[in-house]
Amino acid sequence: MQITWTENMSVGVKSFDDDHKNLIRLIDELHGVLQDDDAEEEILSEKNELALHRLENYIRSHCNREEIAMAKTDYAGLEEHKQEHAKLAAMIAEMSWRFRGSTDPRHIAEIMEFIYNWFTNHINVTDKKYAAHLNSRGIF
């Protein structure tokens, strides 16, 4: 389950669009682990762990950047947005902990499905809500 960036995913803020493109790259990296049938189990486990770790870290830093911009511009939906980010971070951390070291493709597939669904819904619904607000305050 891969995600392909399209312009209709744009939230109207270049730095956040760039972040979302980087998230897609990291999600694709995790997807690549799922597709690697030739890797030895130990190598696959290490690749899985590394890809999850990178994704976790990037999600945290991206969410922080969004929240800082929203706070600086007094975005009315900040608290709700922060709650969504907190739920995402908790879910990714829980899945990462639960599946750390796993080579079971079902575990990676479960993570991928969750991330795919969350990512596409969050960008297309929640993130697009802040675009006009940030743009009106000079953040493009």
N, C-alpha and C. Protein backbone atom coordinates (compact mmCIF):
# COMPACT_ATOMS: atom_id res chain seq x y z
N MET A 1 0.85 -1.17 0.00
CA MET A 1 0.00 0.00 0.00
C MET A 1 0.90 1.24 0.00
N GLN A 2 1.10 1.80 -1.15
CA GLN A 2 1.96 2.95 -1.26
C GLN A 2 1.13 4.22 -1.41
N ILE A 3 1.76 5.33 -1.02
CA ILE A 3 1.13 6.63 -1.16
C ILE A 3 1.91 7.39 -2.22
N THR A 4 1.22 8.00 -3.14
CA THR A 4 1.85 8.81 -4.17
C THR A 4 1.39 10.24 -3.98
N TRP A 5 2.36 11.15 -3.90
CA TRP A 5 2.03 12.56 -3.75
C TRP A 5 1.32 13.07 -4.99
N THR A 6 0.24 13.77 -4.77
CA THR A 6 -0.45 14.47 -5.85
C THR A 6 -0.69 15.90 -5.37
N GLU A 7 -0.84 16.81 -6.31
CA GLU A 7 -1.03 18.22 -5.95
C GLU A 7 -2.30 18.46 -5.13
N ASN A 8 -3.30 17.59 -5.28
CA ASN A 8 -4.51 17.79 -4.47
C ASN A 8 -4.28 17.48 -3.00
N MET A 9 -3.10 16.94 -2.65
CA MET A 9 -2.73 16.72 -1.26
C MET A 9 -2.14 17.99 -0.63
N SER A 10 -1.80 18.95 -1.47
CA SER A 10 -1.17 20.17 -0.97
C SER A 10 -2.05 20.86 0.06
N VAL A 11 -1.41 21.31 1.14
CA VAL A 11 -2.13 22.05 2.18
C VAL A 11 -1.90 23.55 2.02
N GLY A 12 -1.18 23.94 0.98
CA GLY A 12 -0.99 25.36 0.71
C GLY A 12 0.14 26.01 1.48
N VAL A 13 0.90 25.21 2.19
CA VAL A 13 2.07 25.70 2.94
C VAL A 13 3.25 24.84 2.48
N LYS A 14 4.17 25.46 1.74
CA LYS A 14 5.25 24.71 1.11
C LYS A 14 6.04 23.84 2.08
N SER A 15 6.41 24.40 3.22
CA SER A 15 7.24 23.62 4.15
C SER A 15 6.49 22.38 4.66
N PHE A 16 5.18 22.50 4.85
CA PHE A 16 4.41 21.34 5.30
C PHE A 16 4.16 20.36 4.16
N ASP A 17 3.99 20.88 2.95
CA ASP A 17 3.90 19.99 1.79
C ASP A 17 5.21 19.21 1.64
N ASP A 18 6.34 19.90 1.83
CA ASP A 18 7.64 19.22 1.76
C ASP A 18 7.76 18.17 2.85
N ASP A 19 7.30 18.50 4.05
CA ASP A 19 7.29 17.52 5.14
C ASP A 19 6.45 16.31 4.77
N HIS A 20 5.28 16.56 4.21
CA HIS A 20 4.39 15.46 3.84
C HIS A 20 5.03 14.59 2.75
N LYS A 21 5.74 15.22 1.83
CA LYS A 21 6.46 14.45 0.80
C LYS A 21 7.54 13.59 1.44
N ASN A 22 8.24 14.13 2.44
CA ASN A 22 9.26 13.35 3.15
C ASN A 22 8.61 12.21 3.93
N LEU A 23 7.45 12.47 4.51
CA LEU A 23 6.73 11.39 5.20
C LEU A 23 6.36 10.27 4.23
N ILE A 24 5.93 10.65 3.03
CA ILE A 24 5.62 9.64 2.02
C ILE A 24 6.86 8.83 1.69
N ARG A 25 8.01 9.50 1.57
CA ARG A 25 9.26 8.80 1.28
C ARG A 25 9.58 7.78 2.39
N LEU A 26 9.39 8.18 3.64
CA LEU A 26 9.65 7.28 4.77
C LEU A 26 8.63 6.15 4.84
N ILE A 27 7.40 6.45 4.50
CA ILE A 27 6.37 5.40 4.45
C ILE A 27 6.71 4.42 3.34
N ASP A 28 7.17 4.92 2.20
CA ASP A 28 7.58 4.05 1.10
C ASP A 28 8.78 3.19 1.49
N GLU A 29 9.67 3.77 2.28
CA GLU A 29 10.81 2.99 2.77
C GLU A 29 10.32 1.81 3.61
N LEU A 30 9.36 2.08 4.48
CA LEU A 30 8.79 1.00 5.29
C LEU A 30 8.09 -0.01 4.40
N HIS A 31 7.39 0.47 3.39
CA HIS A 31 6.72 -0.42 2.43
C HIS A 31 7.75 -1.29 1.72
N GLY A 32 8.91 -0.72 1.40
CA GLY A 32 9.98 -1.48 0.76
C GLY A 32 10.45 -2.64 1.61
N VAL A 33 10.47 -2.44 2.92
CA VAL A 33 10.84 -3.52 3.83
C VAL A 33 9.84 -4.67 3.69
N LEU A 34 8.58 -4.31 3.59
CA LEU A 34 7.53 -5.32 3.42
C LEU A 34 7.73 -6.13 2.15
N GLN A 35 8.22 -5.48 1.10
CA GLN A 35 8.36 -6.12 -0.20
C GLN A 35 9.65 -6.91 -0.36
N ASP A 36 10.58 -6.79 0.59
CA ASP A 36 11.89 -7.41 0.46
C ASP A 36 11.85 -8.89 0.86
N ASP A 37 11.49 -9.72 -0.10
CA ASP A 37 11.39 -11.16 0.16
C ASP A 37 12.74 -11.85 0.21
N ASP A 38 13.78 -11.22 -0.34
CA ASP A 38 15.09 -11.86 -0.44
C ASP A 38 15.97 -11.66 0.78
N ALA A 39 15.63 -10.72 1.65
CA ALA A 39 16.48 -10.41 2.80
C ALA A 39 16.40 -11.51 3.84
N GLU A 40 17.54 -11.73 4.50
CA GLU A 40 17.56 -12.67 5.61
C GLU A 40 16.72 -12.11 6.74
N GLU A 41 16.22 -12.99 7.58
CA GLU A 41 15.32 -12.57 8.65
C GLU A 41 15.95 -11.50 9.55
N GLU A 42 17.19 -11.68 9.91
CA GLU A 42 17.85 -10.72 10.80
C GLU A 42 18.00 -9.35 10.12
N ILE A 43 18.35 -9.35 8.85
CA ILE A 43 18.49 -8.09 8.12
C ILE A 43 17.13 -7.43 7.95
N LEU A 44 16.11 -8.22 7.64
CA LEU A 44 14.77 -7.69 7.50
C LEU A 44 14.30 -7.06 8.82
N SER A 45 14.59 -7.71 9.93
CA SER A 45 14.23 -7.19 11.24
C SER A 45 14.92 -5.85 11.49
N GLU A 46 16.19 -5.75 11.15
CA GLU A 46 16.94 -4.50 11.34
C GLU A 46 16.39 -3.40 10.44
N LYS A 47 16.08 -3.74 9.19
CA LYS A 47 15.52 -2.76 8.26
C LYS A 47 14.17 -2.25 8.76
N ASN A 48 13.35 -3.16 9.25
CA ASN A 48 12.03 -2.82 9.78
C ASN A 48 12.20 -1.85 10.95
N GLU A 49 13.08 -2.18 11.87
CA GLU A 49 13.28 -1.35 13.05
C GLU A 49 13.81 0.03 12.67
N LEU A 50 14.75 0.08 11.76
CA LEU A 50 15.32 1.36 11.34
C LEU A 50 14.27 2.22 10.63
N ALA A 51 13.50 1.62 9.74
CA ALA A 51 12.48 2.37 9.02
C ALA A 51 11.42 2.91 9.98
N LEU A 52 11.01 2.10 10.94
CA LEU A 52 10.03 2.56 11.93
C LEU A 52 10.59 3.69 12.78
N HIS A 53 11.84 3.56 13.18
CA HIS A 53 12.49 4.58 14.00
C HIS A 53 12.55 5.91 13.26
N ARG A 54 12.97 5.86 12.00
CA ARG A 54 13.03 7.10 11.21
C ARG A 54 11.65 7.72 11.05
N LEU A 55 10.66 6.88 10.79
CA LEU A 55 9.30 7.38 10.62
C LEU A 55 8.78 8.01 11.91
N GLU A 56 8.98 7.34 13.03
CA GLU A 56 8.56 7.88 14.33
C GLU A 56 9.18 9.25 14.58
N ASN A 57 10.48 9.36 14.39
CA ASN A 57 11.19 10.62 14.64
C ASN A 57 10.70 11.73 13.73
N TYR A 58 10.51 11.40 12.46
CA TYR A 58 10.09 12.43 11.52
C TYR A 58 8.67 12.89 11.82
N ILE A 59 7.81 11.99 12.17
CA ILE A 59 6.43 12.35 12.52
C ILE A 59 6.44 13.31 13.70
N ARG A 60 7.24 13.02 14.71
CA ARG A 60 7.32 13.91 15.88
C ARG A 60 7.79 15.30 15.48
N SER A 61 8.84 15.37 14.68
CA SER A 61 9.37 16.69 14.31
C SER A 61 8.41 17.44 13.40
N HIS A 62 7.76 16.75 12.48
CA HIS A 62 6.79 17.40 11.60
C HIS A 62 5.61 17.94 12.41
N CYS A 63 5.06 17.13 13.27
CA CYS A 63 3.91 17.56 14.08
C CYS A 63 4.29 18.78 14.92
N ASN A 64 5.49 18.76 15.46
CA ASN A 64 5.97 19.90 16.25
C ASN A 64 6.02 21.17 15.40
N ARG A 65 6.53 21.06 14.18
CA ARG A 65 6.61 22.23 13.30
C ARG A 65 5.22 22.79 12.99
N GLU A 66 4.28 21.89 12.71
CA GLU A 66 2.91 22.35 12.44
C GLU A 66 2.33 23.06 13.66
N GLU A 67 2.50 22.46 14.83
CA GLU A 67 1.92 23.02 16.04
C GLU A 67 2.54 24.37 16.39
N ILE A 68 3.82 24.54 16.16
CA ILE A 68 4.48 25.83 16.41
C ILE A 68 3.88 26.90 15.50
N ALA A 69 3.72 26.58 14.22
CA ALA A 69 3.14 27.56 13.28
C ALA A 69 1.71 27.90 13.69
N MET A 70 0.94 26.92 14.10
CA MET A 70 -0.43 27.17 14.51
C MET A 70 -0.48 28.01 15.78
N ALA A 71 0.41 27.74 16.72
CA ALA A 71 0.44 28.51 17.97
C ALA A 71 0.84 29.96 17.71
N LYS A 72 1.83 30.16 16.85
CA LYS A 72 2.29 31.52 16.55
C LYS A 72 1.22 32.36 15.88
N THR A 73 0.29 31.71 15.20
CA THR A 73 -0.75 32.45 14.46
C THR A 73 -2.12 32.34 15.12
N ASP A 74 -2.14 31.84 16.36
CA ASP A 74 -3.40 31.72 17.11
C ASP A 74 -4.47 30.94 16.36
N TYR A 75 -4.08 29.81 15.81
CA TYR A 75 -5.03 28.96 15.09
C TYR A 75 -6.05 28.38 16.07
N ALA A 76 -7.32 28.59 15.79
CA ALA A 76 -8.40 28.16 16.70
C ALA A 76 -8.46 26.63 16.87
N GLY A 77 -8.03 25.89 15.87
CA GLY A 77 -8.11 24.43 15.93
C GLY A 77 -6.86 23.76 16.47
N LEU A 78 -5.98 24.54 17.10
CA LEU A 78 -4.70 24.00 17.56
C LEU A 78 -4.86 22.83 18.52
N GLU A 79 -5.68 22.97 19.54
CA GLU A 79 -5.80 21.90 20.54
C GLU A 79 -6.31 20.61 19.93
N GLU A 80 -7.30 20.71 19.07
CA GLU A 80 -7.83 19.52 18.39
C GLU A 80 -6.75 18.88 17.52
N HIS A 81 -5.99 19.73 16.82
CA HIS A 81 -4.93 19.23 15.96
C HIS A 81 -3.84 18.54 16.80
N LYS A 82 -3.48 19.15 17.92
CA LYS A 82 -2.48 18.55 18.80
C LYS A 82 -2.94 17.19 19.32
N GLN A 83 -4.23 17.08 19.62
CA GLN A 83 -4.77 15.80 20.08
C GLN A 83 -4.64 14.72 19.00
N GLU A 84 -4.91 15.10 17.74
CA GLU A 84 -4.75 14.13 16.65
C GLU A 84 -3.30 13.72 16.52
N HIS A 85 -2.40 14.68 16.61
CA HIS A 85 -0.97 14.36 16.53
C HIS A 85 -0.55 13.44 17.68
N ALA A 86 -1.04 13.72 18.88
CA ALA A 86 -0.69 12.90 20.04
C ALA A 86 -1.19 11.46 19.86
N LYS A 87 -2.40 11.32 19.32
CA LYS A 87 -2.93 9.98 19.07
C LYS A 87 -2.09 9.24 18.04
N LEU A 88 -1.68 9.96 17.00
CA LEU A 88 -0.84 9.34 15.98
C LEU A 88 0.49 8.89 16.58
N ALA A 89 1.15 9.78 17.30
CA ALA A 89 2.44 9.45 17.89
C ALA A 89 2.33 8.25 18.83
N ALA A 90 1.27 8.22 19.64
CA ALA A 90 1.07 7.11 20.56
C ALA A 90 0.83 5.80 19.81
N MET A 91 0.04 5.86 18.76
CA MET A 91 -0.26 4.65 17.98
C MET A 91 0.98 4.13 17.26
N ILE A 92 1.75 5.03 16.66
CA ILE A 92 2.97 4.61 15.97
C ILE A 92 3.96 4.03 16.97
N ALA A 93 4.12 4.68 18.11
CA ALA A 93 5.04 4.18 19.14
C ALA A 93 4.60 2.81 19.64
N GLU A 94 3.30 2.65 19.85
CA GLU A 94 2.79 1.36 20.34
C GLU A 94 3.01 0.26 19.30
N MET A 95 2.71 0.56 18.04
CA MET A 95 2.92 -0.44 16.99
C MET A 95 4.40 -0.74 16.82
N SER A 96 5.21 0.29 16.87
CA SER A 96 6.64 0.11 16.73
C SER A 96 7.19 -0.77 17.85
N TRP A 97 6.74 -0.52 19.06
CA TRP A 97 7.18 -1.33 20.20
C TRP A 97 6.69 -2.77 20.05
N ARG A 98 5.43 -2.90 19.68
CA ARG A 98 4.82 -4.24 19.57
C ARG A 98 5.47 -5.06 18.47
N PHE A 99 5.83 -4.42 17.36
CA PHE A 99 6.33 -5.16 16.21
C PHE A 99 7.84 -5.04 16.04
N ARG A 100 8.51 -4.35 16.97
CA ARG A 100 9.95 -4.17 16.84
C ARG A 100 10.64 -5.52 16.72
N GLY A 101 11.45 -5.63 15.71
CA GLY A 101 12.18 -6.86 15.48
C GLY A 101 11.39 -7.92 14.73
N SER A 102 10.14 -7.65 14.44
CA SER A 102 9.31 -8.63 13.75
C SER A 102 9.68 -8.68 12.27
N THR A 103 9.61 -9.87 11.74
CA THR A 103 9.77 -10.04 10.29
C THR A 103 8.47 -10.53 9.67
N ASP A 104 7.44 -10.57 10.47
CA ASP A 104 6.14 -11.03 9.98
C ASP A 104 5.53 -9.95 9.08
N PRO A 105 5.34 -10.26 7.81
CA PRO A 105 4.78 -9.26 6.89
C PRO A 105 3.41 -8.73 7.33
N ARG A 106 2.68 -9.53 8.09
CA ARG A 106 1.36 -9.07 8.57
C ARG A 106 1.52 -7.88 9.52
N HIS A 107 2.59 -7.88 10.31
CA HIS A 107 2.81 -6.77 11.24
C HIS A 107 3.12 -5.50 10.48
N ILE A 108 4.00 -5.61 9.51
CA ILE A 108 4.36 -4.44 8.71
C ILE A 108 3.13 -3.97 7.93
N ALA A 109 2.36 -4.91 7.41
CA ALA A 109 1.15 -4.56 6.66
C ALA A 109 0.15 -3.83 7.56
N GLU A 110 0.04 -4.24 8.81
CA GLU A 110 -0.87 -3.57 9.74
C GLU A 110 -0.44 -2.13 9.97
N ILE A 111 0.85 -1.94 10.16
CA ILE A 111 1.39 -0.59 10.33
C ILE A 111 1.14 0.23 9.08
N MET A 112 1.43 -0.36 7.93
CA MET A 112 1.26 0.36 6.66
C MET A 112 -0.20 0.77 6.46
N GLU A 113 -1.12 -0.11 6.74
CA GLU A 113 -2.54 0.21 6.56
C GLU A 113 -2.95 1.35 7.48
N PHE A 114 -2.52 1.28 8.74
CA PHE A 114 -2.84 2.34 9.68
C PHE A 114 -2.27 3.68 9.20
N ILE A 115 -0.99 3.69 8.83
CA ILE A 115 -0.33 4.92 8.40
C ILE A 115 -0.99 5.47 7.13
N TYR A 116 -1.26 4.61 6.19
CA TYR A 116 -1.88 5.04 4.93
C TYR A 116 -3.23 5.72 5.21
N ASN A 117 -4.07 5.05 5.98
CA ASN A 117 -5.39 5.59 6.28
C ASN A 117 -5.30 6.89 7.06
N TRP A 118 -4.44 6.92 8.06
CA TRP A 118 -4.30 8.12 8.87
C TRP A 118 -3.75 9.27 8.03
N PHE A 119 -2.69 8.99 7.31
CA PHE A 119 -2.01 10.03 6.54
C PHE A 119 -2.95 10.66 5.52
N THR A 120 -3.62 9.85 4.74
CA THR A 120 -4.47 10.40 3.69
C THR A 120 -5.65 11.16 4.29
N ASN A 121 -6.24 10.67 5.36
CA ASN A 121 -7.35 11.37 6.00
C ASN A 121 -6.87 12.64 6.68
N HIS A 122 -5.76 12.57 7.39
CA HIS A 122 -5.28 13.74 8.14
C HIS A 122 -4.91 14.88 7.20
N ILE A 123 -4.21 14.60 6.14
CA ILE A 123 -3.83 15.67 5.21
C ILE A 123 -5.06 16.21 4.49
N ASN A 124 -5.87 15.32 3.95
CA ASN A 124 -7.00 15.76 3.13
C ASN A 124 -8.14 16.40 3.91
N VAL A 125 -8.20 16.15 5.20
CA VAL A 125 -9.28 16.71 6.00
C VAL A 125 -8.73 17.71 7.02
N THR A 126 -7.97 17.23 7.97
CA THR A 126 -7.54 18.05 9.10
C THR A 126 -6.54 19.12 8.71
N ASP A 127 -5.48 18.73 7.99
CA ASP A 127 -4.45 19.72 7.65
C ASP A 127 -4.96 20.81 6.72
N LYS A 128 -5.85 20.46 5.84
CA LYS A 128 -6.37 21.46 4.90
C LYS A 128 -7.17 22.54 5.62
N LYS A 129 -7.62 22.25 6.84
CA LYS A 129 -8.36 23.25 7.60
C LYS A 129 -7.47 24.43 8.01
N TYR A 130 -6.19 24.18 8.22
CA TYR A 130 -5.32 25.28 8.67
C TYR A 130 -4.74 26.09 7.52
N ALA A 131 -4.84 25.61 6.31
CA ALA A 131 -4.19 26.26 5.16
C ALA A 131 -4.61 27.72 5.01
N ALA A 132 -5.90 27.99 4.94
CA ALA A 132 -6.36 29.36 4.75
C ALA A 132 -5.94 30.25 5.91
N HIS A 133 -6.00 29.71 7.12
CA HIS A 133 -5.60 30.48 8.30
C HIS A 133 -4.13 30.86 8.22
N LEU A 134 -3.26 29.89 7.97
CA LEU A 134 -1.83 30.18 7.90
C LEU A 134 -1.52 31.09 6.73
N ASN A 135 -2.13 30.83 5.58
CA ASN A 135 -1.91 31.68 4.39
C ASN A 135 -2.30 33.13 4.69
N SER A 136 -3.41 33.32 5.41
CA SER A 136 -3.87 34.68 5.71
C SER A 136 -2.92 35.42 6.64
N ARG A 137 -2.03 34.67 7.27
CA ARG A 137 -1.03 35.27 8.16
C ARG A 137 0.38 35.23 7.57
N GLY A 138 0.41 35.06 6.25
CA GLY A 138 1.67 35.16 5.52
C GLY A 138 2.51 33.89 5.48
N ILE A 139 1.94 32.77 5.88
CA ILE A 139 2.68 31.51 5.85
C ILE A 139 2.19 30.72 4.65
N PHE A 140 3.09 30.58 3.66
CA PHE A 140 2.73 29.89 2.41
C PHE A 140 3.61 28.68 2.19
